[in-house]
Amino acid sequence: MSYDVWLEIDTGHGEWQEVVEIGNYTMNVFPMWADALNGMSLREYHHALCSEAAGPLADGVKRMEADPEKYRAMNPSNGWGDYEGALNYLRAVAEACAAHPKCRIVVDA
């Protein structure tokens, strides 16, 4: 299974429109993200406003960058996903939120 993440914006007409497609990444790296995000699952950011989520997500990226060996030790034993991929994906989500603060995050898992 994987997380599929995108950003959407309120059209003002009772609908939400996709603005940025981030793509998907394996759920096997869940422990890395949970550690980097202070115990929060990426799924818990579902429908969070980017203006509120960008900072905590960027902090998670910084935690992962600061201690790569800690996070590499969490690489899934089945080979599906790794530190580099998990970091790049989390960075993409954080940067998209920073660039689009009026959007909300959609996390389909």
N, C-alpha and C. Protein backbone atom coordinates (compact mmCIF):
# COMPACT_ATOMS: atom_id res chain seq x y z
N MET A 1 0.84 -1.18 0.00
CA MET A 1 0.00 0.00 0.00
C MET A 1 0.89 1.24 0.00
N SER A 2 0.27 2.35 -0.39
CA SER A 2 1.03 3.58 -0.44
C SER A 2 0.14 4.77 -0.07
N TYR A 3 0.82 5.86 0.21
CA TYR A 3 0.15 7.14 0.40
C TYR A 3 0.13 7.84 -0.94
N ASP A 4 -0.99 8.42 -1.29
CA ASP A 4 -1.09 9.28 -2.47
C ASP A 4 -1.48 10.65 -1.94
N VAL A 5 -0.68 11.66 -2.25
CA VAL A 5 -0.89 12.98 -1.68
C VAL A 5 -1.01 14.02 -2.78
N TRP A 6 -1.96 14.93 -2.58
CA TRP A 6 -2.09 16.08 -3.47
C TRP A 6 -2.61 17.25 -2.65
N LEU A 7 -2.53 18.42 -3.24
CA LEU A 7 -3.06 19.64 -2.63
C LEU A 7 -4.26 20.10 -3.42
N GLU A 8 -5.24 20.61 -2.72
CA GLU A 8 -6.42 21.14 -3.39
C GLU A 8 -6.82 22.46 -2.75
N ILE A 9 -7.56 23.25 -3.52
CA ILE A 9 -7.97 24.57 -3.07
C ILE A 9 -9.48 24.71 -3.19
N ASP A 10 -10.05 25.45 -2.27
CA ASP A 10 -11.48 25.72 -2.27
C ASP A 10 -11.79 26.67 -3.43
N THR A 11 -12.67 26.25 -4.31
CA THR A 11 -13.02 27.08 -5.47
C THR A 11 -13.95 28.22 -5.09
N GLY A 12 -14.51 28.15 -3.89
CA GLY A 12 -15.48 29.17 -3.48
C GLY A 12 -16.89 28.84 -3.93
N HIS A 13 -17.04 27.69 -4.54
CA HIS A 13 -18.34 27.26 -5.05
C HIS A 13 -18.73 25.92 -4.44
N GLY A 14 -18.25 25.66 -3.22
CA GLY A 14 -18.57 24.42 -2.54
C GLY A 14 -17.81 23.21 -3.07
N GLU A 15 -16.77 23.45 -3.83
CA GLU A 15 -15.97 22.36 -4.40
C GLU A 15 -14.50 22.62 -4.13
N TRP A 16 -13.73 21.54 -4.14
CA TRP A 16 -12.29 21.62 -4.01
C TRP A 16 -11.68 21.14 -5.31
N GLN A 17 -10.65 21.84 -5.75
CA GLN A 17 -9.99 21.50 -7.02
C GLN A 17 -8.53 21.17 -6.76
N GLU A 18 -8.06 20.08 -7.37
CA GLU A 18 -6.66 19.70 -7.23
C GLU A 18 -5.77 20.77 -7.85
N VAL A 19 -4.72 21.13 -7.13
CA VAL A 19 -3.77 22.14 -7.58
C VAL A 19 -2.40 21.52 -7.86
N VAL A 20 -1.97 20.66 -6.96
CA VAL A 20 -0.64 20.05 -7.07
C VAL A 20 -0.76 18.55 -6.78
N GLU A 21 -0.25 17.74 -7.68
CA GLU A 21 -0.18 16.29 -7.47
C GLU A 21 1.23 15.97 -6.98
N ILE A 22 1.35 15.44 -5.78
CA ILE A 22 2.65 15.10 -5.23
C ILE A 22 3.04 13.68 -5.65
N GLY A 23 2.06 12.83 -5.79
CA GLY A 23 2.32 11.44 -6.17
C GLY A 23 2.17 10.52 -4.99
N ASN A 24 2.73 9.31 -5.13
CA ASN A 24 2.58 8.36 -4.04
C ASN A 24 3.93 7.80 -3.62
N TYR A 25 3.92 7.27 -2.39
CA TYR A 25 5.10 6.62 -1.85
C TYR A 25 4.64 5.54 -0.87
N THR A 26 5.43 4.52 -0.75
CA THR A 26 5.06 3.37 0.05
C THR A 26 4.83 3.69 1.53
N MET A 27 3.87 3.01 2.11
CA MET A 27 3.58 3.15 3.54
C MET A 27 4.63 2.45 4.40
N ASN A 28 5.51 1.69 3.79
CA ASN A 28 6.51 0.95 4.56
C ASN A 28 7.47 1.86 5.31
N VAL A 29 7.52 3.15 4.95
CA VAL A 29 8.42 4.08 5.63
C VAL A 29 7.68 4.85 6.73
N PHE A 30 6.48 4.39 7.06
CA PHE A 30 5.69 5.04 8.11
C PHE A 30 6.50 5.30 9.38
N PRO A 31 7.29 4.34 9.89
CA PRO A 31 8.03 4.62 11.12
C PRO A 31 8.98 5.81 11.01
N MET A 32 9.60 6.00 9.86
CA MET A 32 10.49 7.15 9.67
C MET A 32 9.72 8.45 9.80
N TRP A 33 8.62 8.52 9.05
CA TRP A 33 7.84 9.76 9.07
C TRP A 33 7.24 10.01 10.44
N ALA A 34 6.75 8.98 11.10
CA ALA A 34 6.18 9.15 12.43
C ALA A 34 7.23 9.70 13.40
N ASP A 35 8.44 9.19 13.31
CA ASP A 35 9.51 9.69 14.17
C ASP A 35 9.84 11.15 13.82
N ALA A 36 10.01 11.42 12.54
CA ALA A 36 10.37 12.77 12.11
C ALA A 36 9.27 13.79 12.39
N LEU A 37 8.03 13.34 12.41
CA LEU A 37 6.88 14.24 12.62
C LEU A 37 6.39 14.18 14.06
N ASN A 38 7.27 13.82 14.97
CA ASN A 38 6.95 13.79 16.40
C ASN A 38 5.73 12.93 16.73
N GLY A 39 5.71 11.75 16.14
CA GLY A 39 4.65 10.80 16.46
C GLY A 39 3.41 10.91 15.60
N MET A 40 3.36 11.87 14.72
CA MET A 40 2.19 12.01 13.85
C MET A 40 2.36 11.20 12.58
N SER A 41 1.29 10.62 12.14
CA SER A 41 1.27 9.93 10.86
C SER A 41 1.07 10.95 9.76
N LEU A 42 1.61 10.68 8.60
CA LEU A 42 1.35 11.55 7.45
C LEU A 42 -0.16 11.62 7.20
N ARG A 43 -0.83 10.52 7.45
CA ARG A 43 -2.29 10.45 7.27
C ARG A 43 -3.03 11.47 8.15
N GLU A 44 -2.46 11.81 9.28
CA GLU A 44 -3.09 12.77 10.18
C GLU A 44 -3.10 14.19 9.60
N TYR A 45 -2.37 14.40 8.54
CA TYR A 45 -2.37 15.71 7.88
C TYR A 45 -3.49 15.82 6.83
N HIS A 46 -4.27 14.77 6.67
CA HIS A 46 -5.38 14.79 5.71
C HIS A 46 -6.31 15.96 6.03
N HIS A 47 -6.50 16.80 5.04
CA HIS A 47 -7.34 18.01 5.09
C HIS A 47 -6.77 19.11 5.98
N ALA A 48 -5.51 19.00 6.36
CA ALA A 48 -4.86 20.11 7.08
C ALA A 48 -4.60 21.24 6.11
N LEU A 49 -4.73 22.46 6.59
CA LEU A 49 -4.40 23.61 5.76
C LEU A 49 -2.89 23.68 5.60
N CYS A 50 -2.45 23.94 4.40
CA CYS A 50 -1.02 24.01 4.12
C CYS A 50 -0.35 25.09 4.95
N SER A 51 -1.04 26.18 5.20
CA SER A 51 -0.47 27.26 6.00
C SER A 51 -0.11 26.78 7.40
N GLU A 52 -0.83 25.79 7.91
CA GLU A 52 -0.56 25.26 9.25
C GLU A 52 0.38 24.05 9.21
N ALA A 53 0.37 23.31 8.13
CA ALA A 53 1.16 22.08 8.05
C ALA A 53 2.58 22.30 7.54
N ALA A 54 2.81 23.36 6.79
CA ALA A 54 4.11 23.57 6.15
C ALA A 54 5.25 23.58 7.17
N GLY A 55 5.09 24.26 8.27
CA GLY A 55 6.14 24.35 9.29
C GLY A 55 6.47 23.01 9.91
N PRO A 56 5.48 22.29 10.45
CA PRO A 56 5.77 20.98 11.03
C PRO A 56 6.35 19.98 10.02
N LEU A 57 5.88 20.03 8.78
CA LEU A 57 6.43 19.14 7.76
C LEU A 57 7.89 19.49 7.47
N ALA A 58 8.19 20.78 7.36
CA ALA A 58 9.57 21.21 7.13
C ALA A 58 10.46 20.82 8.31
N ASP A 59 9.93 20.90 9.53
CA ASP A 59 10.70 20.47 10.70
C ASP A 59 11.01 18.98 10.62
N GLY A 60 10.05 18.20 10.13
CA GLY A 60 10.28 16.77 9.95
C GLY A 60 11.39 16.50 8.95
N VAL A 61 11.40 17.28 7.88
CA VAL A 61 12.47 17.16 6.87
C VAL A 61 13.82 17.46 7.53
N LYS A 62 13.87 18.51 8.31
CA LYS A 62 15.13 18.88 8.99
C LYS A 62 15.60 17.78 9.93
N ARG A 63 14.67 17.15 10.66
CA ARG A 63 15.04 16.05 11.56
C ARG A 63 15.65 14.89 10.77
N MET A 64 15.03 14.57 9.65
CA MET A 64 15.54 13.47 8.84
C MET A 64 16.91 13.81 8.26
N GLU A 65 17.08 15.04 7.82
CA GLU A 65 18.37 15.45 7.25
C GLU A 65 19.47 15.48 8.30
N ALA A 66 19.11 15.81 9.54
CA ALA A 66 20.10 15.96 10.60
C ALA A 66 20.65 14.62 11.10
N ASP A 67 19.91 13.54 10.89
CA ASP A 67 20.34 12.25 11.42
C ASP A 67 20.06 11.12 10.42
N PRO A 68 20.70 11.17 9.26
CA PRO A 68 20.40 10.18 8.23
C PRO A 68 20.64 8.73 8.67
N GLU A 69 21.65 8.48 9.48
CA GLU A 69 21.91 7.10 9.90
C GLU A 69 20.78 6.54 10.75
N LYS A 70 20.20 7.38 11.59
CA LYS A 70 19.06 6.95 12.41
C LYS A 70 17.92 6.49 11.50
N TYR A 71 17.65 7.27 10.46
CA TYR A 71 16.54 6.96 9.59
C TYR A 71 16.87 5.85 8.60
N ARG A 72 18.11 5.75 8.17
CA ARG A 72 18.50 4.63 7.30
C ARG A 72 18.34 3.30 8.04
N ALA A 73 18.56 3.32 9.35
CA ALA A 73 18.38 2.11 10.15
C ALA A 73 16.91 1.67 10.16
N MET A 74 16.00 2.57 9.79
CA MET A 74 14.57 2.25 9.73
C MET A 74 14.13 1.81 8.34
N ASN A 75 15.09 1.69 7.41
CA ASN A 75 14.71 1.23 6.06
C ASN A 75 13.93 -0.08 6.17
N PRO A 76 12.83 -0.19 5.44
CA PRO A 76 12.04 -1.42 5.50
C PRO A 76 12.86 -2.64 5.07
N SER A 77 12.73 -3.72 5.81
CA SER A 77 13.49 -4.94 5.52
C SER A 77 13.07 -5.58 4.20
N ASN A 78 11.85 -5.28 3.74
CA ASN A 78 11.39 -5.89 2.48
C ASN A 78 11.89 -5.14 1.25
N GLY A 79 12.62 -4.03 1.47
CA GLY A 79 13.19 -3.28 0.34
C GLY A 79 12.23 -2.31 -0.33
N TRP A 80 11.02 -2.24 0.15
CA TRP A 80 10.04 -1.31 -0.43
C TRP A 80 10.16 0.03 0.29
N GLY A 81 10.86 0.96 -0.32
CA GLY A 81 11.07 2.28 0.26
C GLY A 81 12.40 2.34 0.99
N ASP A 82 12.89 3.57 1.15
CA ASP A 82 14.14 3.78 1.86
C ASP A 82 14.22 5.21 2.35
N TYR A 83 15.27 5.48 3.12
CA TYR A 83 15.46 6.81 3.70
C TYR A 83 15.43 7.91 2.64
N GLU A 84 16.19 7.73 1.58
CA GLU A 84 16.28 8.78 0.57
C GLU A 84 14.92 9.07 -0.06
N GLY A 85 14.19 8.02 -0.40
CA GLY A 85 12.87 8.20 -0.99
C GLY A 85 11.89 8.82 -0.03
N ALA A 86 11.93 8.38 1.23
CA ALA A 86 11.04 8.93 2.25
C ALA A 86 11.34 10.41 2.49
N LEU A 87 12.61 10.74 2.56
CA LEU A 87 13.00 12.13 2.76
C LEU A 87 12.57 12.99 1.58
N ASN A 88 12.83 12.54 0.37
CA ASN A 88 12.46 13.31 -0.81
C ASN A 88 10.95 13.52 -0.91
N TYR A 89 10.20 12.50 -0.55
CA TYR A 89 8.74 12.61 -0.61
C TYR A 89 8.24 13.61 0.43
N LEU A 90 8.73 13.48 1.67
CA LEU A 90 8.31 14.41 2.72
C LEU A 90 8.72 15.83 2.36
N ARG A 91 9.90 15.99 1.78
CA ARG A 91 10.35 17.32 1.34
C ARG A 91 9.41 17.88 0.27
N ALA A 92 8.99 17.05 -0.66
CA ALA A 92 8.07 17.50 -1.72
C ALA A 92 6.75 17.98 -1.14
N VAL A 93 6.24 17.25 -0.15
CA VAL A 93 4.98 17.66 0.49
C VAL A 93 5.18 18.98 1.22
N ALA A 94 6.25 19.09 1.99
CA ALA A 94 6.53 20.32 2.75
C ALA A 94 6.72 21.52 1.84
N GLU A 95 7.47 21.34 0.77
CA GLU A 95 7.72 22.46 -0.16
C GLU A 95 6.46 22.86 -0.90
N ALA A 96 5.62 21.90 -1.26
CA ALA A 96 4.37 22.22 -1.94
C ALA A 96 3.46 23.00 -0.99
N CYS A 97 3.42 22.60 0.27
CA CYS A 97 2.60 23.34 1.23
C CYS A 97 3.10 24.76 1.43
N ALA A 98 4.41 24.91 1.50
CA ALA A 98 4.98 26.26 1.67
C ALA A 98 4.66 27.14 0.46
N ALA A 99 4.65 26.54 -0.72
CA ALA A 99 4.38 27.30 -1.95
C ALA A 99 2.90 27.59 -2.15
N HIS A 100 2.03 26.81 -1.50
CA HIS A 100 0.58 26.95 -1.70
C HIS A 100 -0.15 26.99 -0.36
N PRO A 101 0.07 28.03 0.45
CA PRO A 101 -0.48 28.06 1.81
C PRO A 101 -2.01 28.09 1.88
N LYS A 102 -2.69 28.45 0.82
CA LYS A 102 -4.15 28.50 0.85
C LYS A 102 -4.80 27.16 0.53
N CYS A 103 -3.99 26.17 0.21
CA CYS A 103 -4.50 24.85 -0.13
C CYS A 103 -4.64 23.99 1.13
N ARG A 104 -5.26 22.84 0.93
CA ARG A 104 -5.27 21.82 1.98
C ARG A 104 -4.65 20.55 1.41
N ILE A 105 -4.17 19.71 2.31
CA ILE A 105 -3.52 18.47 1.93
C ILE A 105 -4.58 17.36 1.87
N VAL A 106 -4.47 16.54 0.86
CA VAL A 106 -5.28 15.32 0.79
C VAL A 106 -4.32 14.14 0.84
N VAL A 107 -4.54 13.26 1.80
CA VAL A 107 -3.71 12.07 1.97
C VAL A 107 -4.62 10.87 1.78
N ASP A 108 -4.47 10.21 0.68
CA ASP A 108 -5.25 9.00 0.38
C ASP A 108 -4.38 7.80 0.69
N ALA A 109 -4.82 7.02 1.64
CA ALA A 109 -4.03 5.85 2.06
C ALA A 109 -4.87 4.60 2.01
